C-alpha cells in the first residue's frame, strides 16, 4: 500500500519487518523475495549502491546450503536469476562495467540450467554481455560470445 503512494521509506521499513519475520521462521525463498522488493525500492529511489548490497545478501542467502545448481529448487533458481539480473542493472547505473560482466557470468549457468541454450532469456543475457564487452572495447571477448 505504501508503495502505491510512493512512500518508499515506509514501504522499505514494512518489508524489512516482514523479511525479519520470515527469516526467523527459516523461510528462505519468501524472505529473499522481500529482500528483492526492498532492493527494488532502493533502486527506485536512486540508491543503487544500497540495492546491490541488499541483492548481494539475498544471493548469498539463496546459495546457502546448496552445493550445486543442479540440486536447486526452481523457485529458488528463478529468484536467484532475478537477483543477478537486477544487480547487473544496478551496477550498470553505477557505471561499474566489470561488475556487470561478472553478474552476467554468474547468471548464464543458471539460465542455461533453467531453459537451455536455445532459450530466449539465455540468448538475451548473451547479447547484453556481448554488447557490454563491445562497449568496453573488449572486442576479443565480445566476438566469441556472440558466435
Protein backbone atom coordinates (compact mmCIF):
# COMPACT_ATOMS: atom_id res chain seq x y z
CA UNK A 1 0.00 0.00 0.00
CA UNK A 2 2.84 2.41 0.86
CA UNK A 3 4.48 1.69 -2.49
CA UNK A 4 1.41 2.85 -4.39
CA UNK A 5 1.53 6.27 -2.71
CA UNK A 6 5.30 6.37 -3.21
CA UNK A 7 6.17 6.41 0.49
CA UNK A 8 9.17 4.21 -0.22
CA UNK A 9 10.85 4.69 3.16
CA UNK A 10 7.75 3.39 4.94
CA UNK A 11 7.41 0.55 2.44
CA UNK A 12 11.07 -0.41 3.00
CA UNK A 13 10.52 -0.36 6.75
CA UNK A 14 7.44 -2.56 6.44
CA UNK A 15 9.11 -5.03 4.07
CA UNK A 16 12.15 -5.21 6.35
CA UNK A 17 9.91 -6.28 9.23
CA UNK A 18 8.25 -8.89 7.03
CA UNK A 19 11.69 -10.12 5.95
CA UNK A 20 12.81 -10.47 9.58
CA UNK A 21 9.71 -12.49 10.47
CA UNK A 22 10.19 -14.82 7.51
CA UNK A 23 13.90 -15.11 8.28
CA UNK A 24 13.16 -16.14 11.89
CA UNK A 25 10.98 -18.94 10.52
CA UNK A 26 13.82 -20.03 8.16
CA UNK A 27 11.66 -19.43 5.09
CA UNK A 28 14.48 -18.63 2.69
CA UNK A 29 12.67 -18.01 -0.58
CA UNK A 30 9.87 -15.79 0.78
CA UNK A 31 12.41 -13.90 2.92
CA UNK A 32 14.64 -13.32 -0.12
CA UNK A 33 11.62 -12.21 -2.13
CA UNK A 34 11.17 -9.45 0.44
CA UNK A 35 14.86 -8.56 0.10
CA UNK A 36 14.44 -8.27 -3.68
CA UNK A 37 11.46 -5.96 -3.22
CA UNK A 38 13.44 -3.86 -0.73
CA UNK A 39 16.33 -3.65 -3.21
CA UNK A 40 13.88 -2.62 -5.94
CA UNK A 41 12.54 0.19 -3.76
CA UNK A 42 16.06 1.44 -3.06
CA UNK A 43 16.75 1.36 -6.80
CA UNK A 44 13.54 3.28 -7.45
CA UNK A 45 14.85 5.96 -5.09
CA UNK A 46 18.19 6.00 -6.97
CA UNK A 47 20.23 4.31 -4.22
CA UNK A 48 21.79 1.68 -6.47
CA UNK A 49 24.70 1.02 -4.09
CA UNK A 50 22.30 0.04 -1.30
CA UNK A 51 20.29 -2.01 -3.76
CA UNK A 52 23.37 -4.01 -4.82
CA UNK A 53 24.28 -4.57 -1.17
CA UNK A 54 20.83 -5.99 -0.43
CA UNK A 55 20.83 -8.13 -3.57
CA UNK A 56 24.28 -9.47 -2.68
CA UNK A 57 22.92 -10.59 0.70
CA UNK A 58 19.91 -12.23 -0.97
CA UNK A 59 22.18 -14.06 -3.43
CA UNK A 60 24.36 -15.34 -0.59
CA UNK A 61 21.27 -16.47 1.29
CA UNK A 62 19.85 -18.29 -1.73
CA UNK A 63 23.17 -20.10 -2.28
CA UNK A 64 23.46 -21.10 1.38
CA UNK A 65 23.33 -24.86 1.80
CA UNK A 66 23.21 -25.52 -1.94
CA UNK A 67 26.25 -27.39 -3.21
CA UNK A 68 25.25 -27.50 -6.86
CA UNK A 69 22.92 -25.59 -9.16
CA UNK A 70 21.66 -28.97 -10.36
CA UNK A 71 20.13 -29.53 -6.91
CA UNK A 72 18.47 -26.11 -6.67
CA UNK A 73 14.68 -25.87 -6.49
CA UNK A 74 13.10 -23.98 -9.40
CA UNK A 75 11.55 -21.24 -7.23
CA UNK A 76 14.98 -20.57 -5.70
CA UNK A 77 16.63 -20.67 -9.12
CA UNK A 78 14.15 -18.17 -10.59
CA UNK A 79 14.69 -15.76 -7.71
CA UNK A 80 18.46 -16.13 -7.94
CA UNK A 81 18.34 -15.29 -11.66
CA UNK A 82 16.21 -12.25 -10.88
CA UNK A 83 18.72 -11.11 -8.23
CA UNK A 84 21.71 -11.39 -10.56
CA UNK A 85 19.93 -9.53 -13.36
CA UNK A 86 18.75 -6.78 -11.01
CA UNK A 87 22.25 -6.47 -9.61
CA UNK A 88 23.63 -6.16 -13.16
CA UNK A 89 21.22 -3.28 -13.80
CA UNK A 90 22.26 -1.55 -10.58
CA UNK A 91 25.95 -1.91 -11.40
CA UNK A 92 25.24 -0.52 -14.88
CA UNK A 93 23.54 2.50 -13.29
CA UNK A 94 26.67 2.93 -11.16
CA UNK A 95 28.83 2.52 -14.31
CA UNK A 96 30.69 -0.42 -12.78
CA UNK A 97 31.03 -2.29 -16.04
CA UNK A 98 33.29 -5.11 -14.84
CA UNK A 99 30.78 -5.91 -12.09
CA UNK A 100 28.02 -6.06 -14.71
CA UNK A 101 30.05 -8.59 -16.70
CA UNK A 102 30.58 -10.60 -13.50
CA UNK A 103 26.81 -10.69 -12.90
CA UNK A 104 26.20 -11.91 -16.45
CA UNK A 105 28.88 -14.58 -16.00
CA UNK A 106 27.20 -15.71 -12.77
CA UNK A 107 23.68 -15.79 -14.20
CA UNK A 108 24.44 -17.56 -17.50
CA UNK A 109 24.85 -21.08 -16.00
CA UNK A 110 21.65 -20.59 -14.01
CA UNK A 111 19.65 -19.54 -17.07
CA UNK A 112 21.24 -22.39 -19.04
CA UNK A 113 20.03 -24.86 -16.40
CA UNK A 114 16.57 -23.32 -16.42
CA UNK A 115 15.88 -23.19 -20.15
CA UNK A 116 18.86 -24.46 -22.17
CA UNK A 117 20.96 -22.75 -24.83
CA UNK A 118 18.05 -22.08 -27.14
CA UNK A 119 16.03 -20.17 -24.57
CA UNK A 120 15.09 -16.52 -25.01
CA UNK A 121 16.47 -15.40 -21.66
CA UNK A 122 19.79 -17.20 -22.21
CA UNK A 123 20.23 -15.55 -25.59
CA UNK A 124 19.19 -12.18 -24.18
CA UNK A 125 21.83 -12.35 -21.45
CA UNK A 126 24.47 -13.37 -24.01
CA UNK A 127 23.55 -10.44 -26.25
CA UNK A 128 23.64 -7.99 -23.34
CA UNK A 129 27.01 -9.33 -22.23
CA UNK A 130 28.43 -9.11 -25.76
CA UNK A 131 27.15 -5.58 -26.24
CA UNK A 132 28.66 -4.54 -22.92
CA UNK A 133 32.01 -6.12 -23.75
CA UNK A 134 32.00 -4.34 -27.13
CA UNK A 135 31.11 -1.04 -25.44
CA UNK A 136 34.04 -1.58 -23.07
CA UNK A 137 36.29 -2.09 -26.10
CA UNK A 138 36.85 -5.76 -25.37
CA UNK A 139 36.10 -7.00 -28.88
CA UNK A 140 38.23 -10.11 -28.42
CA UNK A 141 35.86 -11.42 -25.74
CA UNK A 142 32.69 -9.99 -27.31
CA UNK A 143 33.09 -11.79 -30.64
CA UNK A 144 33.17 -15.41 -29.32
CA UNK A 145 30.27 -14.61 -27.02
CA UNK A 146 28.19 -13.51 -30.00
CA UNK A 147 29.22 -16.53 -32.06
